[in-house]
Amino acid sequence: MSRIYKILTRRAWDEALVSGVFLGAPIDIQDGYIHFSTAAQASETARLHFRGQHDLILVGFEADALGEALKWEPSRGGQLFPHLYGPLPTSKAVSLDDLPLDAEHVPILPQFIC
């Protein structure tokens, strides 16, 4: 199995926990799918899209557990990124880590990601 990751605010995750389903951040809703990153992609995703944002978390999921709604599609630089076309059950989460910011206001990923 391969693990994929979603960076989001703790508030958004806490709200999703109440209903049991994460429907996506504003960019996910706009694009029509929930954006994920692999471990190799997460650092660049954090730097490009989450700089300066506070109270972020990194939630891990096993890609195979998300079923056929998960598609691997070309994105940044032609890399294949995991995109979920449908709601994300919070019960599928296998890890959760806080993401503090470094001196340049970029989220610091856990050592196991880097």
C-alpha atoms as a PDB file:
ATOM      1  CA  MET A   1       0.000   0.000   0.000  1.00  0.00           C
ATOM      2  CA  SER A   2       1.058   3.557  -0.529  1.00  0.00           C
ATOM      3  CA  ARG A   3       0.275   6.340   1.855  1.00  0.00           C
ATOM      4  CA  ILE A   4      -1.012   9.680   0.581  1.00  0.00           C
ATOM      5  CA  TYR A   5      -1.464  12.918   2.481  1.00  0.00           C
ATOM      6  CA  LYS A   6      -3.852  15.824   2.772  1.00  0.00           C
ATOM      7  CA  ILE A   7      -2.719  19.163   4.209  1.00  0.00           C
ATOM      8  CA  LEU A   8      -5.564  21.148   5.716  1.00  0.00           C
ATOM      9  CA  THR A   9      -6.506  23.273   8.688  1.00  0.00           C
ATOM     10  CA  ARG A  10      -7.270  21.617  11.977  1.00  0.00           C
ATOM     11  CA  ARG A  11     -10.606  23.444  11.976  1.00  0.00           C
ATOM     12  CA  ALA A  12     -11.613  21.936   8.623  1.00  0.00           C
ATOM     13  CA  TRP A  13     -10.661  18.464   9.882  1.00  0.00           C
ATOM     14  CA  ASP A  14     -12.473  18.923  13.183  1.00  0.00           C
ATOM     15  CA  GLU A  15     -15.612  19.986  11.285  1.00  0.00           C
ATOM     16  CA  ALA A  16     -15.305  16.924   9.054  1.00  0.00           C
ATOM     17  CA  LEU A  17     -14.989  14.667  12.097  1.00  0.00           C
ATOM     18  CA  VAL A  18     -18.427  15.814  13.275  1.00  0.00           C
ATOM     19  CA  SER A  19     -20.100  14.612  10.061  1.00  0.00           C
ATOM     20  CA  GLY A  20     -17.652  11.781   9.405  1.00  0.00           C
ATOM     21  CA  VAL A  21     -16.847  13.091   5.929  1.00  0.00           C
ATOM     22  CA  PHE A  22     -14.443  15.680   4.508  1.00  0.00           C
ATOM     23  CA  LEU A  23     -15.929  17.244   1.386  1.00  0.00           C
ATOM     24  CA  GLY A  24     -12.880  19.306   0.526  1.00  0.00           C
ATOM     25  CA  ALA A  25     -11.175  22.629   1.015  1.00  0.00           C
ATOM     26  CA  PRO A  26     -12.289  25.525  -1.187  1.00  0.00           C
ATOM     27  CA  ILE A  27      -9.707  24.622  -3.877  1.00  0.00           C
ATOM     28  CA  ASP A  28     -10.877  21.000  -3.837  1.00  0.00           C
ATOM     29  CA  ILE A  29     -14.485  22.025  -4.283  1.00  0.00           C
ATOM     30  CA  GLN A  30     -13.506  24.422  -7.076  1.00  0.00           C
ATOM     31  CA  ASP A  31     -11.511  21.741  -8.914  1.00  0.00           C
ATOM     32  CA  GLY A  32     -14.078  18.977  -8.389  1.00  0.00           C
ATOM     33  CA  TYR A  33     -11.829  16.594  -6.456  1.00  0.00           C
ATOM     34  CA  ILE A  34      -9.868  16.396  -3.217  1.00  0.00           C
ATOM     35  CA  HIS A  35      -6.149  17.052  -3.722  1.00  0.00           C
ATOM     36  CA  PHE A  36      -3.615  14.754  -2.069  1.00  0.00           C
ATOM     37  CA  SER A  37       0.162  14.436  -2.239  1.00  0.00           C
ATOM     38  CA  THR A  38       2.510  11.513  -1.922  1.00  0.00           C
ATOM     39  CA  ALA A  39       5.289  11.671   0.658  1.00  0.00           C
ATOM     40  CA  ALA A  40       7.679  12.777  -2.100  1.00  0.00           C
ATOM     41  CA  GLN A  41       5.314  15.576  -3.186  1.00  0.00           C
ATOM     42  CA  ALA A  42       4.104  16.865   0.185  1.00  0.00           C
ATOM     43  CA  SER A  43       7.019  19.189   0.924  1.00  0.00           C
ATOM     44  CA  GLU A  44       6.647  21.094  -2.341  1.00  0.00           C
ATOM     45  CA  THR A  45       2.863  21.194  -1.916  1.00  0.00           C
ATOM     46  CA  ALA A  46       3.319  22.707   1.546  1.00  0.00           C
ATOM     47  CA  ARG A  47       5.796  25.285   0.251  1.00  0.00           C
ATOM     48  CA  LEU A  48       3.751  26.304  -2.795  1.00  0.00           C
ATOM     49  CA  HIS A  49       0.230  26.263  -1.408  1.00  0.00           C
ATOM     50  CA  PHE A  50       0.346  26.576   2.386  1.00  0.00           C
ATOM     51  CA  ARG A  51       3.074  29.116   3.193  1.00  0.00           C
ATOM     52  CA  GLY A  52       1.983  31.446   5.988  1.00  0.00           C
ATOM     53  CA  GLN A  53      -1.108  29.447   6.941  1.00  0.00           C
ATOM     54  CA  HIS A  54      -1.445  28.556  10.597  1.00  0.00           C
ATOM     55  CA  ASP A  55      -3.023  25.632  12.433  1.00  0.00           C
ATOM     56  CA  LEU A  56      -2.299  23.145   9.635  1.00  0.00           C
ATOM     57  CA  ILE A  57      -2.274  19.386   9.951  1.00  0.00           C
ATOM     58  CA  LEU A  58      -1.125  16.531   7.749  1.00  0.00           C
ATOM     59  CA  VAL A  59      -3.577  13.645   7.549  1.00  0.00           C
ATOM     60  CA  GLY A  60      -2.400  10.344   6.080  1.00  0.00           C
ATOM     61  CA  PHE A  61      -4.473   7.771   4.221  1.00  0.00           C
ATOM     62  CA  GLU A  62      -3.733   4.439   2.579  1.00  0.00           C
ATOM     63  CA  ALA A  63      -4.376   5.033  -1.117  1.00  0.00           C
ATOM     64  CA  ASP A  64      -5.818   1.554  -1.700  1.00  0.00           C
ATOM     65  CA  ALA A  65      -8.418   2.093   1.032  1.00  0.00           C
ATOM     66  CA  LEU A  66      -9.998   4.963  -0.924  1.00  0.00           C
ATOM     67  CA  GLY A  67     -11.146   2.724  -3.752  1.00  0.00           C
ATOM     68  CA  GLU A  68     -11.902   3.540  -7.355  1.00  0.00           C
ATOM     69  CA  ALA A  69     -12.776   7.176  -6.607  1.00  0.00           C
ATOM     70  CA  LEU A  70      -9.027   7.819  -6.226  1.00  0.00           C
ATOM     71  CA  LYS A  71      -7.385   8.674  -9.549  1.00  0.00           C
ATOM     72  CA  TRP A  72      -3.701   9.315 -10.273  1.00  0.00           C
ATOM     73  CA  GLU A  73      -3.511  12.255 -12.652  1.00  0.00           C
ATOM     74  CA  PRO A  74      -0.724  14.421 -14.076  1.00  0.00           C
ATOM     75  CA  SER A  75      -0.292  17.776 -12.392  1.00  0.00           C
ATOM     76  CA  ARG A  76       2.697  19.877 -11.334  1.00  0.00           C
ATOM     77  CA  GLY A  77       5.590  19.099 -13.668  1.00  0.00           C
ATOM     78  CA  GLY A  78       3.774  16.105 -15.131  1.00  0.00           C
ATOM     79  CA  GLN A  79       3.951  14.181 -11.840  1.00  0.00           C
ATOM     80  CA  LEU A  80       1.047  11.879 -11.053  1.00  0.00           C
ATOM     81  CA  PHE A  81      -0.914  13.204  -8.075  1.00  0.00           C
ATOM     82  CA  PRO A  82      -3.690  11.400  -6.207  1.00  0.00           C
ATOM     83  CA  HIS A  83      -7.107  13.032  -6.613  1.00  0.00           C
ATOM     84  CA  LEU A  84     -10.242  11.772  -4.878  1.00  0.00           C
ATOM     85  CA  TYR A  85     -13.477  12.213  -6.792  1.00  0.00           C
ATOM     86  CA  GLY A  86     -15.955  12.014  -3.960  1.00  0.00           C
ATOM     87  CA  PRO A  87     -16.265  12.549  -0.230  1.00  0.00           C
ATOM     88  CA  LEU A  88     -13.448  11.459   2.058  1.00  0.00           C
ATOM     89  CA  PRO A  89     -14.553   9.371   5.054  1.00  0.00           C
ATOM     90  CA  THR A  90     -12.639  10.610   8.091  1.00  0.00           C
ATOM     91  CA  SER A  91     -12.575   7.035   9.396  1.00  0.00           C
ATOM     92  CA  LYS A  92     -10.055   6.199   6.651  1.00  0.00           C
ATOM     93  CA  ALA A  93      -7.377   8.420   8.234  1.00  0.00           C
ATOM     94  CA  VAL A  94      -4.362   6.468   9.500  1.00  0.00           C
ATOM     95  CA  SER A  95      -2.212   9.335  10.782  1.00  0.00           C
ATOM     96  CA  LEU A  96      -2.479  12.965  11.835  1.00  0.00           C
ATOM     97  CA  ASP A  97       0.392  15.360  12.517  1.00  0.00           C
ATOM     98  CA  ASP A  98       0.534  19.052  13.386  1.00  0.00           C
ATOM     99  CA  LEU A  99       2.467  21.236  10.932  1.00  0.00           C
ATOM    100  CA  PRO A 100       4.250  24.138  12.629  1.00  0.00           C
ATOM    101  CA  LEU A 101       5.791  26.845  10.434  1.00  0.00           C
ATOM    102  CA  ASP A 102       9.505  27.405   9.909  1.00  0.00           C
ATOM    103  CA  ALA A 103      11.239  30.813   9.898  1.00  0.00           C
ATOM    104  CA  GLU A 104      10.071  31.368   6.307  1.00  0.00           C
ATOM    105  CA  HIS A 105       6.481  30.494   7.275  1.00  0.00           C
ATOM    106  CA  VAL A 106       6.531  27.185   5.387  1.00  0.00           C
ATOM    107  CA  PRO A 107       4.883  24.199   7.091  1.00  0.00           C
ATOM    108  CA  ILE A 108       7.399  21.792   8.611  1.00  0.00           C
ATOM    109  CA  LEU A 109       6.581  18.224   7.670  1.00  0.00           C
ATOM    110  CA  PRO A 110       7.273  15.294  10.004  1.00  0.00           C
ATOM    111  CA  GLN A 111      10.650  13.588   9.591  1.00  0.00           C
ATOM    112  CA  PHE A 112       9.090  10.444   8.109  1.00  0.00           C
ATOM    113  CA  ILE A 113       7.879  12.486   5.131  1.00  0.00           C
ATOM    114  CA  CYS A 114      11.112  14.300   4.345  1.00  0.00           C
END
